[in-house]
Amino acid sequence: MTITPRPSADARELAAHVRSLRQVAAVHTAYKLEENHFAMRLCDTQALDAALLAAQDKGFDNPRVKAFLARLSDEPIERALARPPTEAALSALSMKFPNFSEVVTYLQRRAALCRLPPMGPMVFPPLLLDGPPGVGKTAFSKALAAVFGVPMVVMQMSQSTGPFALGGLDAMFVSGGPGQLVRTVALGSHVDPVIVLDELDKTPASSSHDPLGPLFTLLDREAARSYVDEGLRLPLDLSWVKWIGTTNRVERLPEALRSRCRIFSIAPPTPAQGRGIAQALYADLLRAQPWGRHFDAKLSDAVAEAVAAHTPRTMARALHDALGEAAIAGRRSLLASDFPSLAPRRSAGFL
């Protein structure tokens, strides 16, 4: 009997890297440079005309799909793609999220390559951010979408009961039609949004309706170029979507999905990083609110130190509450006593 050895982790990583290089090489045939932006074709016009004609058939009785195709036919087939982010924007992101510096460094390298003449839209494999709850994975994803200038859509995978949000539902059913992903990309303002698959490792298991099923195609760039939603049956190019998955226990994901992603382990901020994050969160909170001008522009060192040991999520909530305490007291500055809900600082990292 012949035993085939299981590929080592290094071999799997090398294979994934080779696939990535092939995909990058293929990118240049999938878009064109317009006067001030990159453009791609969402679908084949003849295929769209055929789908519209089929939807008008007397035997077809799904008004949801008919309405979707009618709207899609009114939209341009060629869509704009985001330009690579600037080095300054990515550097600012690293300063705001210091515990994500490894992710940002990786993106800086990719962006630098894409900015070389003749320049092209930025391409990178799906990012998988693994780490404990509350370390800022969703906040980082939102900030990254802002750097790209594209919208962000969060899909709560822990609440998914089937593949319908990603893969749609067959039009033969009354409630059938394209899923949330296709609706977002095909009818939205951008074909390259940031899609966050939140708590991917907590996706409910199902033998008949696997919520993860469509991802085996969508996270493979070549296969995603002609993705077919079950509720639409029209091949669409979804290869420009920027995917970010978040997990607490990445090892719970199937190897086939992990191999499609670039995995980063996100640790809680160090105390020094925590102080910087506290200042950044405070500044963001003041800018976002009309009442922000009534408070000091920066936290005192004592207050930043008091909140630095906590996760970014906890910090943000505590800062908002503390500003309310200061408003009641008629103060412009926050005091350490404005944070009664925070436990004393821990001396050895985060739990």
Foldseek 3Di string as FASTA:
>chain_A
DDDDDDDDPVRLLVVLVVLVVVLVVVVVVAWDDDPDFIKGFFADPVLLVVLQVVCPDPVQDAVVLNVVSVLLVVDDRIATAFFQFDPVLLVVLCLLQVLCVVVSVVSSVQSVVQCPPVHDHGDDAAEEEEADPQQCQVVSLCSVQVRRPAAEAEDAQLPDPAQCQPAWAASVDRPTAHHVLCCCQSNHNHLAGEYEDEANLNHDDDPPGGNCVVVLQQSSLVSQCQDARNRRRGGTRSSRYHYYYYHHDVVSDDPSNVSSYDYDYGFHDDLVSLLSNLFVLLQVVLVVDPCSVLADNGADPQQSNFRSQDRSVVSNVLSVQQVVVCVVVVHRYGDSVSRPVDDGHDDDHDD
